Amino acid sequence: MSEKTLRYAAKALIIENGRVLCLRKQGDIGGYYVLPGGGQDPGELLPGTLARECLEELGAKVEVGRLRFVQEYIGGNHLFKDVHGKMHFVNLYFECRLSEPVLSHPLSPDAGQVGLEWLEIEKLGEAAFFPRALAGRLGRDGEAGPVYLGDSV
């Protein structure tokens, strides 16, 4: 059996006025959107990971709130298996609030990051937004968290 690489990541759910703040990226599939955040470094607590990643990708400090969603992504099971085939990601989505405005030019943008965009939550299903499993779940305040999304895209 081939060895898989396990990676934990913290992702920011920054929601204001019915919109969620996303990274706009450009890649092999064209333009798409993801939430800010990234991989946890050894010895780093998840809220610290998220604070560091948001400072790098948004150029802004955030206040990290409660854990809302847990998603696993086993690369070999999905569309991007050629790139992520040996990866197993565990993504943890936290509610966050901006402590300051985002910068127009982030300090250390992600590979392929071409901008930032506020997307309407009600229209996420129509956008090239990942993970798709979140598109219909954001904005539901009644769900007791955290919610496990399983192995999803």
C-alpha atoms as a PDB file:
ATOM      1  CA  MET A   1       0.000   0.000   0.000  1.00  0.00           C
ATOM      2  CA  SER A   2       1.309   3.469  -0.870  1.00  0.00           C
ATOM      3  CA  GLU A   3       2.056   5.842   1.946  1.00  0.00           C
ATOM      4  CA  LYS A   4      -0.307   8.801   2.284  1.00  0.00           C
ATOM      5  CA  THR A   5       0.682  12.184   3.630  1.00  0.00           C
ATOM      6  CA  LEU A   6      -1.671  13.547   6.300  1.00  0.00           C
ATOM      7  CA  ARG A   7      -2.031  17.315   6.536  1.00  0.00           C
ATOM      8  CA  TYR A   8      -4.118  19.389   8.944  1.00  0.00           C
ATOM      9  CA  ALA A   9      -5.272  22.829   7.874  1.00  0.00           C
ATOM     10  CA  ALA A  10      -7.265  25.647   9.465  1.00  0.00           C
ATOM     11  CA  LYS A  11      -9.640  27.648   7.249  1.00  0.00           C
ATOM     12  CA  ALA A  12     -11.372  30.978   7.941  1.00  0.00           C
ATOM     13  CA  LEU A  13     -15.100  31.540   7.589  1.00  0.00           C
ATOM     14  CA  ILE A  14     -15.255  35.332   7.449  1.00  0.00           C
ATOM     15  CA  ILE A  15     -18.895  36.230   6.854  1.00  0.00           C
ATOM     16  CA  GLU A  16     -20.298  39.760   6.675  1.00  0.00           C
ATOM     17  CA  ASN A  17     -23.622  40.945   5.287  1.00  0.00           C
ATOM     18  CA  GLY A  18     -24.489  37.595   3.707  1.00  0.00           C
ATOM     19  CA  ARG A  19     -21.127  37.300   1.960  1.00  0.00           C
ATOM     20  CA  VAL A  20     -18.039  35.187   2.644  1.00  0.00           C
ATOM     21  CA  LEU A  21     -14.474  36.383   2.020  1.00  0.00           C
ATOM     22  CA  CYS A  22     -12.628  34.115  -0.460  1.00  0.00           C
ATOM     23  CA  LEU A  23      -9.281  33.883  -2.159  1.00  0.00           C
ATOM     24  CA  ARG A  24      -9.655  34.116  -5.924  1.00  0.00           C
ATOM     25  CA  LYS A  25      -7.239  31.668  -7.536  1.00  0.00           C
ATOM     26  CA  GLN A  26      -6.172  30.752 -11.046  1.00  0.00           C
ATOM     27  CA  GLY A  27      -5.008  27.246 -11.916  1.00  0.00           C
ATOM     28  CA  ASP A  28      -5.319  24.292 -14.274  1.00  0.00           C
ATOM     29  CA  ILE A  29      -9.124  24.356 -13.943  1.00  0.00           C
ATOM     30  CA  GLY A  30      -9.325  28.100 -14.616  1.00  0.00           C
ATOM     31  CA  GLY A  31     -10.577  30.557 -12.006  1.00  0.00           C
ATOM     32  CA  TYR A  32     -11.955  29.310  -8.700  1.00  0.00           C
ATOM     33  CA  TYR A  33     -12.463  30.337  -5.068  1.00  0.00           C
ATOM     34  CA  VAL A  34     -11.291  28.911  -1.739  1.00  0.00           C
ATOM     35  CA  LEU A  35     -11.373  30.111   1.837  1.00  0.00           C
ATOM     36  CA  PRO A  36      -8.311  31.707   3.428  1.00  0.00           C
ATOM     37  CA  GLY A  37      -6.164  29.470   5.579  1.00  0.00           C
ATOM     38  CA  GLY A  38      -3.611  26.733   5.272  1.00  0.00           C
ATOM     39  CA  GLY A  39      -1.481  24.002   6.716  1.00  0.00           C
ATOM     40  CA  GLN A  40      -0.586  23.678  10.359  1.00  0.00           C
ATOM     41  CA  ASP A  41       3.113  23.743  11.253  1.00  0.00           C
ATOM     42  CA  PRO A  42       4.441  21.298  13.882  1.00  0.00           C
ATOM     43  CA  GLY A  43       4.037  22.746  17.375  1.00  0.00           C
ATOM     44  CA  GLU A  44       1.512  25.346  16.198  1.00  0.00           C
ATOM     45  CA  LEU A  45      -2.004  25.492  17.637  1.00  0.00           C
ATOM     46  CA  LEU A  46      -4.816  25.715  15.063  1.00  0.00           C
ATOM     47  CA  PRO A  47      -5.892  29.267  16.010  1.00  0.00           C
ATOM     48  CA  GLY A  48      -2.266  30.340  15.540  1.00  0.00           C
ATOM     49  CA  THR A  49      -2.170  28.627  12.148  1.00  0.00           C
ATOM     50  CA  LEU A  50      -5.255  30.525  11.073  1.00  0.00           C
ATOM     51  CA  ALA A  51      -4.000  33.872  12.371  1.00  0.00           C
ATOM     52  CA  ARG A  52      -0.684  33.391  10.525  1.00  0.00           C
ATOM     53  CA  GLU A  53      -2.293  32.251   7.276  1.00  0.00           C
ATOM     54  CA  CYS A  54      -4.826  35.115   7.240  1.00  0.00           C
ATOM     55  CA  LEU A  55      -2.059  37.648   7.834  1.00  0.00           C
ATOM     56  CA  GLU A  56      -0.114  36.162   4.904  1.00  0.00           C
ATOM     57  CA  GLU A  57      -3.044  35.743   2.471  1.00  0.00           C
ATOM     58  CA  LEU A  58      -5.282  38.667   3.446  1.00  0.00           C
ATOM     59  CA  GLY A  59      -2.779  41.036   4.989  1.00  0.00           C
ATOM     60  CA  ALA A  60      -5.126  41.336   7.973  1.00  0.00           C
ATOM     61  CA  LYS A  61      -5.402  40.107  11.537  1.00  0.00           C
ATOM     62  CA  VAL A  62      -8.424  38.019  12.494  1.00  0.00           C
ATOM     63  CA  GLU A  63     -10.125  36.986  15.698  1.00  0.00           C
ATOM     64  CA  VAL A  64     -10.605  33.209  15.615  1.00  0.00           C
ATOM     65  CA  GLY A  65     -13.973  31.966  16.881  1.00  0.00           C
ATOM     66  CA  ARG A  66     -15.681  28.607  17.157  1.00  0.00           C
ATOM     67  CA  LEU A  67     -15.062  25.518  15.071  1.00  0.00           C
ATOM     68  CA  ARG A  68     -17.939  25.054  12.583  1.00  0.00           C
ATOM     69  CA  PHE A  69     -17.005  22.297  10.127  1.00  0.00           C
ATOM     70  CA  VAL A  70     -14.581  19.391   9.797  1.00  0.00           C
ATOM     71  CA  GLN A  71     -13.864  18.093   6.293  1.00  0.00           C
ATOM     72  CA  GLU A  72     -11.650  15.297   5.124  1.00  0.00           C
ATOM     73  CA  TYR A  73     -10.344  15.134   1.589  1.00  0.00           C
ATOM     74  CA  ILE A  74      -8.676  11.950   0.441  1.00  0.00           C
ATOM     75  CA  GLY A  75      -6.980  13.048  -2.762  1.00  0.00           C
ATOM     76  CA  GLY A  76      -7.162   9.750  -4.644  1.00  0.00           C
ATOM     77  CA  ASN A  77     -10.959   9.806  -4.429  1.00  0.00           C
ATOM     78  CA  HIS A  78     -11.505  13.067  -6.289  1.00  0.00           C
ATOM     79  CA  LEU A  79     -11.097  15.060  -9.491  1.00  0.00           C
ATOM     80  CA  PHE A  80      -7.619  16.329  -8.561  1.00  0.00           C
ATOM     81  CA  LYS A  81      -6.173  12.849  -7.894  1.00  0.00           C
ATOM     82  CA  ASP A  82      -3.294  13.484 -10.320  1.00  0.00           C
ATOM     83  CA  VAL A  83      -2.085  16.288  -8.021  1.00  0.00           C
ATOM     84  CA  HIS A  84      -3.420  15.190  -4.599  1.00  0.00           C
ATOM     85  CA  GLY A  85      -3.502  11.410  -5.051  1.00  0.00           C
ATOM     86  CA  LYS A  86      -1.315  10.609  -2.039  1.00  0.00           C
ATOM     87  CA  MET A  87      -2.663  13.359   0.195  1.00  0.00           C
ATOM     88  CA  HIS A  88      -5.171  13.111   3.015  1.00  0.00           C
ATOM     89  CA  PHE A  89      -6.255  16.556   4.193  1.00  0.00           C
ATOM     90  CA  VAL A  90      -8.188  17.309   7.375  1.00  0.00           C
ATOM     91  CA  ASN A  91      -9.602  20.824   7.046  1.00  0.00           C
ATOM     92  CA  LEU A  92     -11.014  22.578  10.105  1.00  0.00           C
ATOM     93  CA  TYR A  93     -13.256  25.589   9.407  1.00  0.00           C
ATOM     94  CA  PHE A  94     -13.438  28.274  12.092  1.00  0.00           C
ATOM     95  CA  GLU A  95     -15.668  31.321  12.296  1.00  0.00           C
ATOM     96  CA  CYS A  96     -13.437  34.400  12.160  1.00  0.00           C
ATOM     97  CA  ARG A  97     -13.852  38.136  12.318  1.00  0.00           C
ATOM     98  CA  LEU A  98     -11.584  40.687  10.691  1.00  0.00           C
ATOM     99  CA  SER A  99      -9.734  42.848  13.232  1.00  0.00           C
ATOM    100  CA  GLU A 100      -8.652  45.242  10.481  1.00  0.00           C
ATOM    101  CA  PRO A 101      -9.343  45.774   6.777  1.00  0.00           C
ATOM    102  CA  VAL A 102      -7.748  43.410   4.275  1.00  0.00           C
ATOM    103  CA  LEU A 103      -4.844  44.656   2.152  1.00  0.00           C
ATOM    104  CA  SER A 104      -5.155  45.008  -1.600  1.00  0.00           C
ATOM    105  CA  HIS A 105      -1.753  43.292  -1.914  1.00  0.00           C
ATOM    106  CA  PRO A 106      -1.337  40.470   0.660  1.00  0.00           C
ATOM    107  CA  LEU A 107       2.056  39.894   2.279  1.00  0.00           C
ATOM    108  CA  SER A 108       2.553  36.325   1.076  1.00  0.00           C
ATOM    109  CA  PRO A 109      -0.261  35.196  -1.222  1.00  0.00           C
ATOM    110  CA  ASP A 110      -0.900  31.519  -1.956  1.00  0.00           C
ATOM    111  CA  ALA A 111       0.358  29.990  -5.184  1.00  0.00           C
ATOM    112  CA  GLY A 112      -2.173  30.925  -7.843  1.00  0.00           C
ATOM    113  CA  GLN A 113      -3.835  33.569  -5.658  1.00  0.00           C
ATOM    114  CA  VAL A 114      -4.874  36.467  -7.903  1.00  0.00           C
ATOM    115  CA  GLY A 115      -7.129  38.395  -5.556  1.00  0.00           C
ATOM    116  CA  LEU A 116      -9.759  38.463  -2.847  1.00  0.00           C
ATOM    117  CA  GLU A 117     -13.498  38.509  -3.334  1.00  0.00           C
ATOM    118  CA  TRP A 118     -16.625  38.638  -1.190  1.00  0.00           C
ATOM    119  CA  LEU A 119     -19.059  36.025  -2.573  1.00  0.00           C
ATOM    120  CA  GLU A 120     -22.756  35.974  -1.738  1.00  0.00           C
ATOM    121  CA  ILE A 121     -23.489  32.901   0.371  1.00  0.00           C
ATOM    122  CA  GLU A 122     -26.762  32.292  -1.468  1.00  0.00           C
ATOM    123  CA  LYS A 123     -24.892  32.045  -4.800  1.00  0.00           C
ATOM    124  CA  LEU A 124     -21.938  29.846  -3.763  1.00  0.00           C
ATOM    125  CA  GLY A 125     -23.496  26.854  -5.517  1.00  0.00           C
ATOM    126  CA  GLU A 126     -23.242  28.749  -8.812  1.00  0.00           C
ATOM    127  CA  ALA A 127     -19.591  29.715  -8.316  1.00  0.00           C
ATOM    128  CA  ALA A 128     -16.442  27.617  -8.759  1.00  0.00           C
ATOM    129  CA  PHE A 129     -16.175  27.507  -4.949  1.00  0.00           C
ATOM    130  CA  PHE A 130     -14.349  24.785  -3.026  1.00  0.00           C
ATOM    131  CA  PRO A 131     -15.145  22.862  -0.961  1.00  0.00           C
ATOM    132  CA  ARG A 132     -18.456  22.308  -2.740  1.00  0.00           C
ATOM    133  CA  ALA A 133     -19.793  20.597   0.408  1.00  0.00           C
ATOM    134  CA  LEU A 134     -19.913  23.985   2.171  1.00  0.00           C
ATOM    135  CA  ALA A 135     -21.902  25.784  -0.539  1.00  0.00           C
ATOM    136  CA  GLY A 136     -25.308  24.815   0.863  1.00  0.00           C
ATOM    137  CA  ARG A 137     -24.325  24.849   4.527  1.00  0.00           C
ATOM    138  CA  LEU A 138     -22.966  28.340   5.171  1.00  0.00           C
ATOM    139  CA  GLY A 139     -25.408  30.756   6.704  1.00  0.00           C
ATOM    140  CA  ARG A 140     -27.305  28.052   8.596  1.00  0.00           C
ATOM    141  CA  ASP A 141     -27.133  29.370  12.127  1.00  0.00           C
ATOM    142  CA  GLY A 142     -29.309  26.611  13.569  1.00  0.00           C
ATOM    143  CA  GLU A 143     -26.803  23.794  13.066  1.00  0.00           C
ATOM    144  CA  ALA A 144     -25.111  22.670  16.228  1.00  0.00           C
ATOM    145  CA  GLY A 145     -21.420  22.630  15.451  1.00  0.00           C
ATOM    146  CA  PRO A 146     -19.049  21.369  14.569  1.00  0.00           C
ATOM    147  CA  VAL A 147     -20.493  19.501  11.569  1.00  0.00           C
ATOM    148  CA  TYR A 148     -18.525  16.639  10.011  1.00  0.00           C
ATOM    149  CA  LEU A 149     -18.595  16.816   6.199  1.00  0.00           C
ATOM    150  CA  GLY A 150     -16.771  13.540   5.518  1.00  0.00           C
ATOM    151  CA  ASP A 151     -14.578  12.958   2.461  1.00  0.00           C
ATOM    152  CA  SER A 152     -15.849  15.739   0.243  1.00  0.00           C
ATOM    153  CA  VAL A 153     -14.803  18.215  -2.419  1.00  0.00           C
END
